[in-house]
C-alpha atoms as a PDB file:
ATOM      1  CA  MET A   1       9.617 -33.170 -40.302  1.00  0.00           C
ATOM      2  CA  ALA A   2       9.239 -34.397 -36.715  1.00  0.00           C
ATOM      3  CA  ASP A   3       7.483 -37.543 -35.528  1.00  0.00           C
ATOM      4  CA  LEU A   4       4.495 -37.549 -33.183  1.00  0.00           C
ATOM      5  CA  GLN A   5       6.553 -38.306 -30.074  1.00  0.00           C
ATOM      6  CA  ASN A   6       8.697 -35.235 -30.650  1.00  0.00           C
ATOM      7  CA  MET A   7       5.673 -33.160 -31.603  1.00  0.00           C
ATOM      8  CA  VAL A   8       4.100 -33.749 -28.194  1.00  0.00           C
ATOM      9  CA  LYS A   9       7.014 -31.782 -26.745  1.00  0.00           C
ATOM     10  CA  CYS A  10       5.847 -28.813 -28.817  1.00  0.00           C
ATOM     11  CA  VAL A  11       2.624 -28.571 -26.799  1.00  0.00           C
ATOM     12  CA  PHE A  12       2.741 -27.251 -23.237  1.00  0.00           C
ATOM     13  CA  GLY A  13       0.409 -26.334 -20.430  1.00  0.00           C
ATOM     14  CA  PRO A  14      -2.270 -25.436 -19.789  1.00  0.00           C
ATOM     15  CA  VAL A  15      -0.668 -22.382 -18.169  1.00  0.00           C
ATOM     16  CA  PRO A  16      -2.340 -19.358 -16.539  1.00  0.00           C
ATOM     17  CA  SER A  17      -2.613 -16.231 -18.681  1.00  0.00           C
ATOM     18  CA  ARG A  18      -4.171 -12.903 -17.785  1.00  0.00           C
ATOM     19  CA  ARG A  19      -5.257 -12.430 -21.375  1.00  0.00           C
ATOM     20  CA  LEU A  20      -6.417 -15.972 -22.104  1.00  0.00           C
ATOM     21  CA  GLY A  21      -7.296 -17.678 -18.831  1.00  0.00           C
ATOM     22  CA  ARG A  22      -5.988 -21.256 -19.046  1.00  0.00           C
ATOM     23  CA  SER A  23      -3.960 -21.554 -22.238  1.00  0.00           C
ATOM     24  CA  LEU A  24      -2.551 -24.677 -23.916  1.00  0.00           C
ATOM     25  CA  GLY A  25       0.560 -23.496 -25.748  1.00  0.00           C
ATOM     26  CA  ILE A  26       1.538 -24.685 -29.235  1.00  0.00           C
ATOM     27  CA  ASN A  27       5.157 -24.248 -30.335  1.00  0.00           C
ATOM     28  CA  ASN A  28       4.776 -24.533 -34.114  1.00  0.00           C
ATOM     29  CA  ILE A  29       8.188 -23.028 -35.001  1.00  0.00           C
ATOM     30  CA  PRO A  30      11.626 -24.639 -34.464  1.00  0.00           C
ATOM     31  CA  PRO A  31      13.830 -22.663 -32.095  1.00  0.00           C
ATOM     32  CA  LYS A  32      14.855 -19.966 -32.749  1.00  0.00           C
ATOM     33  CA  THR A  33      13.372 -18.986 -36.108  1.00  0.00           C
ATOM     34  CA  CYS A  34      11.856 -15.520 -36.203  1.00  0.00           C
ATOM     35  CA  SER A  35      11.336 -12.405 -38.299  1.00  0.00           C
ATOM     36  CA  TYR A  36      12.671 -10.260 -35.441  1.00  0.00           C
ATOM     37  CA  SER A  37      15.650 -10.486 -33.121  1.00  0.00           C
ATOM     38  CA  CYS A  38      14.298  -8.421 -30.237  1.00  0.00           C
ATOM     39  CA  VAL A  39      16.848  -7.209 -27.722  1.00  0.00           C
ATOM     40  CA  TYR A  40      14.524  -8.113 -24.838  1.00  0.00           C
ATOM     41  CA  CYS A  41      13.549 -11.586 -26.099  1.00  0.00           C
ATOM     42  CA  GLN A  42      13.232 -13.943 -23.151  1.00  0.00           C
ATOM     43  CA  VAL A  43      13.494 -17.238 -25.042  1.00  0.00           C
ATOM     44  CA  GLY A  44      16.958 -16.784 -26.518  1.00  0.00           C
ATOM     45  CA  LYS A  45      18.694 -15.129 -29.433  1.00  0.00           C
ATOM     46  CA  THR A  46      17.256 -15.523 -32.940  1.00  0.00           C
ATOM     47  CA  THR A  47      19.496 -17.920 -34.854  1.00  0.00           C
ATOM     48  CA  HIS A  48      17.541 -17.873 -38.129  1.00  0.00           C
ATOM     49  CA  ILE A  49      16.005 -14.501 -38.997  1.00  0.00           C
ATOM     50  CA  THR A  50      13.700 -14.556 -42.008  1.00  0.00           C
ATOM     51  CA  VAL A  51      10.449 -13.228 -43.447  1.00  0.00           C
ATOM     52  CA  ASP A  52       9.990 -16.202 -45.772  1.00  0.00           C
ATOM     53  CA  ARG A  53       7.293 -18.658 -44.761  1.00  0.00           C
ATOM     54  CA  GLN A  54       7.957 -22.388 -44.864  1.00  0.00           C
ATOM     55  CA  ALA A  55       6.527 -25.705 -43.698  1.00  0.00           C
ATOM     56  CA  PHE A  56       8.134 -26.922 -40.474  1.00  0.00           C
ATOM     57  CA  TYR A  57       5.969 -29.758 -39.173  1.00  0.00           C
ATOM     58  CA  LYS A  58       3.285 -32.004 -40.633  1.00  0.00           C
ATOM     59  CA  PRO A  59      -0.076 -30.418 -39.721  1.00  0.00           C
ATOM     60  CA  GLU A  60      -1.675 -33.768 -38.935  1.00  0.00           C
ATOM     61  CA  GLU A  61       1.123 -34.606 -36.461  1.00  0.00           C
ATOM     62  CA  LEU A  62       0.866 -31.232 -34.749  1.00  0.00           C
ATOM     63  CA  SER A  63      -2.910 -31.624 -34.519  1.00  0.00           C
ATOM     64  CA  LYS A  64      -2.586 -35.125 -33.028  1.00  0.00           C
ATOM     65  CA  ALA A  65      -0.090 -33.854 -30.446  1.00  0.00           C
ATOM     66  CA  VAL A  66      -2.416 -31.034 -29.397  1.00  0.00           C
ATOM     67  CA  ARG A  67      -5.433 -33.336 -29.212  1.00  0.00           C
ATOM     68  CA  ARG A  68      -3.462 -35.757 -27.038  1.00  0.00           C
ATOM     69  CA  LYS A  69      -2.659 -32.934 -24.594  1.00  0.00           C
ATOM     70  CA  VAL A  70      -6.292 -31.830 -24.601  1.00  0.00           C
ATOM     71  CA  ASP A  71      -7.412 -35.370 -23.793  1.00  0.00           C
ATOM     72  CA  GLU A  72      -4.855 -35.625 -20.980  1.00  0.00           C
ATOM     73  CA  ALA A  73      -6.018 -32.314 -19.516  1.00  0.00           C
ATOM     74  CA  THR A  74      -9.635 -33.483 -19.718  1.00  0.00           C
ATOM     75  CA  VAL A  75      -8.797 -36.641 -17.774  1.00  0.00           C
ATOM     76  CA  ARG A  76      -7.147 -34.498 -15.086  1.00  0.00           C
ATOM     77  CA  HIS A  77     -10.160 -32.152 -15.057  1.00  0.00           C
ATOM     78  CA  GLU A  78      -7.962 -29.239 -16.099  1.00  0.00           C
ATOM     79  CA  ARG A  79      -9.767 -26.410 -17.858  1.00  0.00           C
ATOM     80  CA  ILE A  80      -8.469 -25.137 -21.212  1.00  0.00           C
ATOM     81  CA  ASP A  81      -9.787 -21.775 -22.378  1.00  0.00           C
ATOM     82  CA  TYR A  82      -7.623 -21.341 -25.486  1.00  0.00           C
ATOM     83  CA  LEU A  83      -5.318 -23.278 -27.772  1.00  0.00           C
ATOM     84  CA  THR A  84      -2.550 -20.742 -28.288  1.00  0.00           C
ATOM     85  CA  PHE A  85       0.107 -20.564 -30.992  1.00  0.00           C
ATOM     86  CA  VAL A  86       2.935 -19.022 -28.975  1.00  0.00           C
ATOM     87  CA  PRO A  87       6.218 -20.524 -30.232  1.00  0.00           C
ATOM     88  CA  ASP A  88       9.890 -19.738 -29.612  1.00  0.00           C
ATOM     89  CA  GLY A  89       9.810 -17.786 -32.885  1.00  0.00           C
ATOM     90  CA  GLU A  90       7.186 -16.091 -35.069  1.00  0.00           C
ATOM     91  CA  PRO A  91       4.123 -18.344 -35.575  1.00  0.00           C
ATOM     92  CA  THR A  92       3.056 -16.825 -38.894  1.00  0.00           C
ATOM     93  CA  LEU A  93       6.279 -18.054 -40.522  1.00  0.00           C
ATOM     94  CA  ASP A  94       4.542 -21.452 -40.499  1.00  0.00           C
ATOM     95  CA  LEU A  95       3.185 -22.076 -43.998  1.00  0.00           C
ATOM     96  CA  ASN A  96       0.780 -24.674 -42.565  1.00  0.00           C
ATOM     97  CA  LEU A  97      -0.744 -22.329 -39.983  1.00  0.00           C
ATOM     98  CA  SER A  98      -4.094 -22.088 -41.766  1.00  0.00           C
ATOM     99  CA  GLU A  99      -4.471 -25.860 -42.002  1.00  0.00           C
ATOM    100  CA  GLU A 100      -3.437 -26.303 -38.369  1.00  0.00           C
ATOM    101  CA  ILE A 101      -5.944 -23.738 -37.130  1.00  0.00           C
ATOM    102  CA  SER A 102      -8.745 -25.298 -39.191  1.00  0.00           C
ATOM    103  CA  SER A 103      -7.978 -28.759 -37.822  1.00  0.00           C
ATOM    104  CA  LEU A 104      -7.787 -27.610 -34.203  1.00  0.00           C
ATOM    105  CA  LYS A 105     -11.011 -25.631 -34.454  1.00  0.00           C
ATOM    106  CA  GLN A 106     -12.706 -29.036 -34.587  1.00  0.00           C
ATOM    107  CA  THR A 107     -11.846 -29.490 -30.889  1.00  0.00           C
ATOM    108  CA  GLY A 108     -14.407 -26.805 -30.101  1.00  0.00           C
ATOM    109  CA  LEU A 109     -11.783 -24.739 -28.305  1.00  0.00           C
ATOM    110  CA  PRO A 110     -11.047 -21.155 -29.391  1.00  0.00           C
ATOM    111  CA  ILE A 111      -7.711 -20.462 -31.092  1.00  0.00           C
ATOM    112  CA  ALA A 112      -5.295 -17.659 -30.157  1.00  0.00           C
ATOM    113  CA  VAL A 113      -2.159 -16.555 -32.005  1.00  0.00           C
ATOM    114  CA  ILE A 114       0.524 -14.410 -30.363  1.00  0.00           C
ATOM    115  CA  THR A 115       2.332 -12.710 -33.256  1.00  0.00           C
ATOM    116  CA  ASN A 116       4.864  -9.914 -33.666  1.00  0.00           C
ATOM    117  CA  ALA A 117       2.714  -8.735 -36.611  1.00  0.00           C
ATOM    118  CA  SER A 118       5.762  -8.309 -38.856  1.00  0.00           C
ATOM    119  CA  LEU A 119       4.303 -10.433 -41.679  1.00  0.00           C
ATOM    120  CA  LEU A 120       0.815  -8.943 -41.852  1.00  0.00           C
ATOM    121  CA  TRP A 121       1.747  -7.113 -45.049  1.00  0.00           C
ATOM    122  CA  GLN A 122       1.513 -10.541 -46.708  1.00  0.00           C
ATOM    123  CA  ASP A 123      -2.033 -11.260 -47.856  1.00  0.00           C
ATOM    124  CA  ASP A 124      -1.795 -14.995 -47.135  1.00  0.00           C
ATOM    125  CA  VAL A 125      -0.796 -14.272 -43.520  1.00  0.00           C
ATOM    126  CA  LYS A 126      -3.779 -11.965 -43.045  1.00  0.00           C
ATOM    127  CA  GLU A 127      -6.024 -14.631 -44.534  1.00  0.00           C
ATOM    128  CA  ASP A 128      -4.623 -17.410 -42.320  1.00  0.00           C
ATOM    129  CA  LEU A 129      -5.144 -15.409 -39.140  1.00  0.00           C
ATOM    130  CA  GLN A 130      -8.768 -14.663 -40.001  1.00  0.00           C
ATOM    131  CA  LYS A 131      -9.540 -18.223 -38.878  1.00  0.00           C
ATOM    132  CA  ALA A 132      -8.339 -17.568 -35.314  1.00  0.00           C
ATOM    133  CA  ASP A 133     -10.489 -16.228 -32.476  1.00  0.00           C
ATOM    134  CA  PHE A 134      -7.915 -14.102 -30.645  1.00  0.00           C
ATOM    135  CA  ILE A 135      -4.875 -12.276 -32.037  1.00  0.00           C
ATOM    136  CA  SER A 136      -2.191 -10.439 -30.066  1.00  0.00           C
ATOM    137  CA  LEU A 137      -0.095  -8.002 -32.126  1.00  0.00           C
ATOM    138  CA  LYS A 138       3.280  -6.595 -31.090  1.00  0.00           C
ATOM    139  CA  VAL A 139       3.686  -2.815 -31.405  1.00  0.00           C
ATOM    140  CA  ASP A 140       6.883  -1.828 -29.595  1.00  0.00           C
ATOM    141  CA  ALA A 141       7.615   1.238 -31.734  1.00  0.00           C
ATOM    142  CA  VAL A 142       6.218   3.151 -34.700  1.00  0.00           C
ATOM    143  CA  SER A 143       9.386   5.140 -35.442  1.00  0.00           C
ATOM    144  CA  GLU A 144      12.046   3.628 -37.698  1.00  0.00           C
ATOM    145  CA  ASP A 145      15.056   4.168 -35.442  1.00  0.00           C
ATOM    146  CA  LEU A 146      13.463   2.706 -32.300  1.00  0.00           C
ATOM    147  CA  TRP A 147      11.855  -0.144 -34.223  1.00  0.00           C
ATOM    148  CA  ARG A 148      15.212  -1.232 -35.607  1.00  0.00           C
ATOM    149  CA  LYS A 149      16.942  -0.743 -32.253  1.00  0.00           C
ATOM    150  CA  ILE A 150      14.382  -2.734 -30.258  1.00  0.00           C
ATOM    151  CA  ASN A 151      13.038  -5.383 -32.647  1.00  0.00           C
ATOM    152  CA  ARG A 152      16.098  -5.673 -34.929  1.00  0.00           C
ATOM    153  CA  PRO A 153      14.240  -6.787 -38.072  1.00  0.00           C
ATOM    154  CA  PRO A 154      16.038  -7.946 -41.227  1.00  0.00           C
ATOM    155  CA  LYS A 155      17.177  -5.145 -43.530  1.00  0.00           C
ATOM    156  CA  ASN A 156      14.627  -6.014 -46.204  1.00  0.00           C
ATOM    157  CA  LEU A 157      11.649  -5.550 -43.860  1.00  0.00           C
ATOM    158  CA  ARG A 158       9.968  -2.123 -43.992  1.00  0.00           C
ATOM    159  CA  LEU A 159       8.222  -0.535 -41.016  1.00  0.00           C
ATOM    160  CA  ASN A 160       5.621   1.214 -43.174  1.00  0.00           C
ATOM    161  CA  ALA A 161       4.606  -2.137 -44.644  1.00  0.00           C
ATOM    162  CA  VAL A 162       4.339  -3.690 -41.175  1.00  0.00           C
ATOM    163  CA  LEU A 163       2.186  -0.861 -39.785  1.00  0.00           C
ATOM    164  CA  ASP A 164      -0.005  -0.794 -42.872  1.00  0.00           C
ATOM    165  CA  GLY A 165      -0.460  -4.570 -42.594  1.00  0.00           C
ATOM    166  CA  ILE A 166      -1.619  -4.170 -39.003  1.00  0.00           C
ATOM    167  CA  ARG A 167      -4.100  -1.462 -40.018  1.00  0.00           C
ATOM    168  CA  LYS A 168      -5.586  -3.535 -42.824  1.00  0.00           C
ATOM    169  CA  PHE A 169      -5.795  -6.695 -40.718  1.00  0.00           C
ATOM    170  CA  THR A 170      -7.722  -4.998 -37.907  1.00  0.00           C
ATOM    171  CA  GLU A 171     -10.213  -3.665 -40.455  1.00  0.00           C
ATOM    172  CA  THR A 172     -11.342  -7.164 -41.399  1.00  0.00           C
ATOM    173  CA  PHE A 173     -10.624  -9.433 -38.400  1.00  0.00           C
ATOM    174  CA  ARG A 174     -13.843 -10.468 -36.671  1.00  0.00           C
ATOM    175  CA  GLY A 175     -12.401 -11.932 -33.472  1.00  0.00           C
ATOM    176  CA  THR A 176     -10.696 -10.324 -30.500  1.00  0.00           C
ATOM    177  CA  VAL A 177      -7.547  -8.372 -31.294  1.00  0.00           C
ATOM    178  CA  VAL A 178      -5.176  -6.862 -28.728  1.00  0.00           C
ATOM    179  CA  SER A 179      -1.805  -5.164 -28.909  1.00  0.00           C
ATOM    180  CA  GLU A 180       1.232  -5.585 -26.697  1.00  0.00           C
ATOM    181  CA  THR A 181       3.972  -3.010 -26.203  1.00  0.00           C
ATOM    182  CA  MET A 182       7.116  -4.083 -24.351  1.00  0.00           C
ATOM    183  CA  LEU A 183       8.865  -1.311 -22.414  1.00  0.00           C
ATOM    184  CA  MET A 184      12.502  -1.203 -21.351  1.00  0.00           C
ATOM    185  CA  GLY A 185      14.308   1.011 -18.879  1.00  0.00           C
ATOM    186  CA  GLU A 186      17.089   3.424 -19.838  1.00  0.00           C
ATOM    187  CA  MET A 187      15.645   3.657 -23.351  1.00  0.00           C
ATOM    188  CA  ASP A 188      15.072   7.152 -24.757  1.00  0.00           C
ATOM    189  CA  TYR A 189      11.447   6.977 -25.846  1.00  0.00           C
ATOM    190  CA  GLY A 190      11.058  10.735 -26.324  1.00  0.00           C
ATOM    191  CA  ASP A 191       7.496  11.206 -27.636  1.00  0.00           C
ATOM    192  CA  GLU A 192       7.301   7.603 -28.886  1.00  0.00           C
ATOM    193  CA  LEU A 193       4.686   6.562 -26.321  1.00  0.00           C
ATOM    194  CA  GLU A 194       2.334   9.250 -27.617  1.00  0.00           C
ATOM    195  CA  LYS A 195       3.032   8.187 -31.219  1.00  0.00           C
ATOM    196  CA  ILE A 196       2.271   4.547 -30.404  1.00  0.00           C
ATOM    197  CA  ALA A 197      -0.932   5.640 -28.664  1.00  0.00           C
ATOM    198  CA  VAL A 198      -2.039   7.579 -31.753  1.00  0.00           C
ATOM    199  CA  PHE A 199      -1.327   4.591 -34.005  1.00  0.00           C
ATOM    200  CA  LEU A 200      -3.258   2.212 -31.749  1.00  0.00           C
ATOM    201  CA  SER A 201      -6.197   4.613 -31.542  1.00  0.00           C
ATOM    202  CA  GLU A 202      -6.479   4.517 -35.337  1.00  0.00           C
ATOM    203  CA  LEU A 203      -6.809   0.728 -35.498  1.00  0.00           C
ATOM    204  CA  LYS A 204     -10.254  -0.700 -36.147  1.00  0.00           C
ATOM    205  CA  LYS A 205     -11.746  -2.887 -33.436  1.00  0.00           C
ATOM    206  CA  LEU A 206      -8.680  -3.000 -31.152  1.00  0.00           C
ATOM    207  CA  ASN A 207     -10.126  -4.522 -27.992  1.00  0.00           C
ATOM    208  CA  LYS A 208      -7.260  -3.792 -25.626  1.00  0.00           C
ATOM    209  CA  ALA A 209      -3.726  -2.416 -25.508  1.00  0.00           C
ATOM    210  CA  TYR A 210      -1.357  -4.188 -23.127  1.00  0.00           C
ATOM    211  CA  ILE A 211       1.817  -2.625 -21.753  1.00  0.00           C
ATOM    212  CA  ALA A 212       4.415  -5.164 -20.658  1.00  0.00           C
ATOM    213  CA  VAL A 213       7.873  -5.473 -19.130  1.00  0.00           C
ATOM    214  CA  PRO A 214      10.333  -8.363 -19.518  1.00  0.00           C
ATOM    215  CA  THR A 215       9.735 -10.878 -16.733  1.00  0.00           C
ATOM    216  CA  ARG A 216      12.683 -13.160 -17.478  1.00  0.00           C
ATOM    217  CA  PRO A 217      16.337 -12.516 -18.425  1.00  0.00           C
ATOM    218  CA  PRO A 218      16.536 -10.812 -21.857  1.00  0.00           C
ATOM    219  CA  THR A 219      18.746 -11.796 -24.785  1.00  0.00           C
ATOM    220  CA  GLU A 220      20.925  -8.692 -24.407  1.00  0.00           C
ATOM    221  CA  ASN A 221      22.288  -8.148 -20.921  1.00  0.00           C
ATOM    222  CA  TRP A 222      22.237  -4.359 -21.335  1.00  0.00           C
ATOM    223  CA  VAL A 223      18.446  -4.401 -21.469  1.00  0.00           C
ATOM    224  CA  LYS A 224      16.900  -3.072 -18.263  1.00  0.00           C
ATOM    225  CA  ARG A 225      13.390  -3.501 -16.956  1.00  0.00           C
ATOM    226  CA  ALA A 226      11.127  -0.462 -17.262  1.00  0.00           C
ATOM    227  CA  ASN A 227      10.388   1.212 -13.962  1.00  0.00           C
ATOM    228  CA  GLU A 228       7.010   2.158 -12.552  1.00  0.00           C
ATOM    229  CA  ASP A 229       7.271   5.766 -13.747  1.00  0.00           C
ATOM    230  CA  LEU A 230       7.693   4.675 -17.370  1.00  0.00           C
ATOM    231  CA  MET A 231       4.880   2.128 -17.085  1.00  0.00           C
ATOM    232  CA  ASN A 232       2.590   4.774 -15.662  1.00  0.00           C
ATOM    233  CA  ALA A 233       3.571   7.304 -18.345  1.00  0.00           C
ATOM    234  CA  ALA A 234       2.719   4.755 -21.044  1.00  0.00           C
ATOM    235  CA  PHE A 235      -0.558   3.883 -19.313  1.00  0.00           C
ATOM    236  CA  GLN A 236      -1.573   7.545 -19.178  1.00  0.00           C
ATOM    237  CA  ALA A 237      -0.553   8.231 -22.796  1.00  0.00           C
ATOM    238  CA  PHE A 238      -2.442   5.191 -24.079  1.00  0.00           C
ATOM    239  CA  SER A 239      -5.464   5.927 -21.889  1.00  0.00           C
ATOM    240  CA  LYS A 240      -5.817   9.443 -23.306  1.00  0.00           C
ATOM    241  CA  LYS A 241      -6.232   8.020 -26.803  1.00  0.00           C
ATOM    242  CA  LEU A 242      -7.963   4.708 -26.091  1.00  0.00           C
ATOM    243  CA  GLY A 243      -9.707   5.171 -22.757  1.00  0.00           C
ATOM    244  CA  ALA A 244      -8.427   3.642 -19.515  1.00  0.00           C
ATOM    245  CA  SER A 245     -10.750   0.640 -19.789  1.00  0.00           C
ATOM    246  CA  ARG A 246      -8.930  -0.482 -22.952  1.00  0.00           C
ATOM    247  CA  VAL A 247      -5.416  -0.306 -21.469  1.00  0.00           C
ATOM    248  CA  GLU A 248      -3.808  -2.799 -19.076  1.00  0.00           C
ATOM    249  CA  CYS A 249      -0.356  -3.393 -17.653  1.00  0.00           C
ATOM    250  CA  LEU A 250       1.205  -6.854 -17.769  1.00  0.00           C
ATOM    251  CA  MET A 251       3.671  -6.913 -14.909  1.00  0.00           C
ATOM    252  CA  GLY A 252       4.223 -10.620 -14.406  1.00  0.00           C
ATOM    253  CA  TYR A 253       1.361 -11.124 -11.955  1.00  0.00           C
ATOM    254  CA  GLU A 254      -1.163 -13.696 -13.129  1.00  0.00           C
ATOM    255  CA  GLY A 255      -2.731 -14.877  -9.860  1.00  0.00           C
ATOM    256  CA  ASN A 256      -5.898 -13.089  -8.790  1.00  0.00           C
ATOM    257  CA  ALA A 257      -5.601 -10.069 -11.105  1.00  0.00           C
ATOM    258  CA  PHE A 258      -9.293 -10.246 -12.025  1.00  0.00           C
ATOM    259  CA  ALA A 259     -10.670 -11.616  -8.777  1.00  0.00           C
ATOM    260  CA  SER A 260     -12.132  -9.843  -5.788  1.00  0.00           C
ATOM    261  CA  THR A 261     -10.623 -11.645  -2.841  1.00  0.00           C
ATOM    262  CA  GLY A 262     -12.583  -9.990  -0.075  1.00  0.00           C
ATOM    263  CA  ASN A 263      -9.207  -8.829   1.259  1.00  0.00           C
ATOM    264  CA  VAL A 264      -8.732  -5.126   0.484  1.00  0.00           C
ATOM    265  CA  GLU A 265      -4.926  -5.424   0.518  1.00  0.00           C
ATOM    266  CA  GLU A 266      -4.971  -8.163  -2.115  1.00  0.00           C
ATOM    267  CA  ASP A 267      -7.644  -6.373  -4.142  1.00  0.00           C
ATOM    268  CA  LEU A 268      -5.620  -3.168  -4.138  1.00  0.00           C
ATOM    269  CA  LEU A 269      -2.451  -4.969  -5.248  1.00  0.00           C
ATOM    270  CA  SER A 270      -4.366  -6.906  -7.916  1.00  0.00           C
ATOM    271  CA  ILE A 271      -5.972  -3.808  -9.405  1.00  0.00           C
ATOM    272  CA  THR A 272      -2.779  -1.735  -9.398  1.00  0.00           C
ATOM    273  CA  ALA A 273      -0.885  -4.540 -11.125  1.00  0.00           C
ATOM    274  CA  VAL A 274      -3.190  -3.915 -14.098  1.00  0.00           C
ATOM    275  CA  HIS A 275      -4.274  -0.281 -13.773  1.00  0.00           C
ATOM    276  CA  PRO A 276      -2.413   2.496 -11.916  1.00  0.00           C
ATOM    277  CA  MET A 277      -5.004   4.050  -9.588  1.00  0.00           C
ATOM    278  CA  ARG A 278      -5.428   7.736  -8.816  1.00  0.00           C
ATOM    279  CA  GLU A 279      -5.394   8.629  -5.145  1.00  0.00           C
ATOM    280  CA  GLU A 280      -9.113   9.454  -5.067  1.00  0.00           C
ATOM    281  CA  ALA A 281      -9.940   6.061  -6.614  1.00  0.00           C
ATOM    282  CA  VAL A 282      -7.902   4.315  -3.918  1.00  0.00           C
ATOM    283  CA  LYS A 283      -9.711   6.314  -1.235  1.00  0.00           C
ATOM    284  CA  LYS A 284     -13.059   5.323  -2.737  1.00  0.00           C
ATOM    285  CA  LEU A 285     -12.065   1.645  -2.715  1.00  0.00           C
ATOM    286  CA  LEU A 286     -11.017   1.856   0.930  1.00  0.00           C
ATOM    287  CA  GLU A 287     -14.179   3.736   1.848  1.00  0.00           C
ATOM    288  CA  THR A 288     -16.325   1.060   0.222  1.00  0.00           C
ATOM    289  CA  ALA A 289     -14.447  -1.627   2.139  1.00  0.00           C
ATOM    290  CA  ASP A 290     -14.543   0.455   5.354  1.00  0.00           C
ATOM    291  CA  VAL A 291     -10.753   0.272   5.645  1.00  0.00           C
ATOM    292  CA  ASP A 292      -8.364   2.956   6.911  1.00  0.00           C
ATOM    293  CA  TRP A 293      -5.730   4.703   4.708  1.00  0.00           C
ATOM    294  CA  GLN A 294      -3.085   3.060   6.876  1.00  0.00           C
ATOM    295  CA  VAL A 295      -3.280  -0.012   4.661  1.00  0.00           C
ATOM    296  CA  VAL A 296      -1.857   2.061   1.765  1.00  0.00           C
ATOM    297  CA  GLU A 297       0.932   3.410   3.956  1.00  0.00           C
ATOM    298  CA  MET A 298       1.711  -0.134   5.059  1.00  0.00           C
ATOM    299  CA  LEU A 299       1.896  -1.452   1.461  1.00  0.00           C
ATOM    300  CA  VAL A 300       4.113   1.455   0.421  1.00  0.00           C
ATOM    301  CA  GLY A 301       6.312   0.854   3.461  1.00  0.00           C
ATOM    302  CA  GLU A 302       6.603  -2.838   2.597  1.00  0.00           C
ATOM    303  CA  ASN A 303       7.624  -1.884  -0.962  1.00  0.00           C
ATOM    304  CA  LYS A 304       4.599  -3.639  -2.430  1.00  0.00           C
ATOM    305  CA  LEU A 305       2.957  -0.448  -3.656  1.00  0.00           C
ATOM    306  CA  VAL A 306       4.632   2.560  -5.321  1.00  0.00           C
ATOM    307  CA  GLU A 307       3.439   6.172  -5.143  1.00  0.00           C
ATOM    308  CA  LEU A 308       3.859   8.094  -8.413  1.00  0.00           C
ATOM    309  CA  GLU A 309       3.250  11.680  -9.534  1.00  0.00           C
ATOM    310  CA  TYR A 310       1.922  12.305 -13.036  1.00  0.00           C
ATOM    311  CA  GLU A 311       0.625  15.613 -14.402  1.00  0.00           C
ATOM    312  CA  GLY A 312      -0.235  16.938 -10.962  1.00  0.00           C
ATOM    313  CA  ASN A 313      -2.005  13.800  -9.768  1.00  0.00           C
ATOM    314  CA  THR A 314      -0.872  11.045  -7.398  1.00  0.00           C
ATOM    315  CA  TYR A 315      -1.116   7.462  -8.633  1.00  0.00           C
ATOM    316  CA  TYR A 316      -0.483   4.115  -6.997  1.00  0.00           C
ATOM    317  CA  MET A 317       0.951   1.103  -8.830  1.00  0.00           C
ATOM    318  CA  ARG A 318       1.981  -2.318  -7.686  1.00  0.00           C
ATOM    319  CA  LYS A 319       5.746  -2.605  -7.339  1.00  0.00           C
ATOM    320  CA  LEU A 320       7.253  -4.324 -10.367  1.00  0.00           C
ATOM    321  CA  PRO A 321       8.669  -7.804  -9.607  1.00  0.00           C
ATOM    322  CA  LEU A 322      12.416  -8.126  -9.425  1.00  0.00           C
ATOM    323  CA  GLY A 323      13.901  -9.500 -12.631  1.00  0.00           C
END
């Protein structure tokens, strides 16, 4: 067990998040303990892979460390929108998670947990997470071969159990629940994107499906960043099953993704970083702002905007950041 001084190092931020606004991060798992060993992981290789829950830190010490950071942020007039369990490993491996959430709820701040969802087949995990306000679930694949290739779970973990756990959890969770699917380039997805879309569409009360790309160097150097064509294909597949309003791309841009800047160039780049836009939608935006199409040509020419073809329609997406 760690002392309070060391526990303070387990709390970071607040940091900007498109999903959560200003988030104070809580690292409740020692590095690098996880139930997966994802090839794209951006916080290092899993050194202890397990599905067995255990107590890592004293809940009262973790709570004190978080409260200290909250007090410091308050003094600096920094806004905190969520307290977020987002450790170097899998947060639900923490046997004290329920007690920690209950204690931190007393701050009056909402609680978020970013989980790979691999332990939701365990009833106690489902019960612990019911106390949170916001849950993000990882769904990178729903086919056995891709799941094992991408997430590299332990041999004793079963995909059917994981997917069934996700289904059952979303039936009872009363807060906000979103999914996140990480895409990689040079990966043969076949019809996997459509299969993931079908699975997500069957979940109860899924508020939003996020499609992401690695934004920092991955664990395995052979992993490549998905390109704009793959991101757009996933967006279209998910949108057909969920509706475009429930699908967003996470491309590494936090900034003004939700804000109208009054500058049509910035607005166009902000929107297309989240939603690929059909050509007619772009024209409508420009018409409303009384701006010429030349601005699109300029952004394409500057390699800030990418023109894509999908099922006979032209789409525009913000250029993915260089990794």
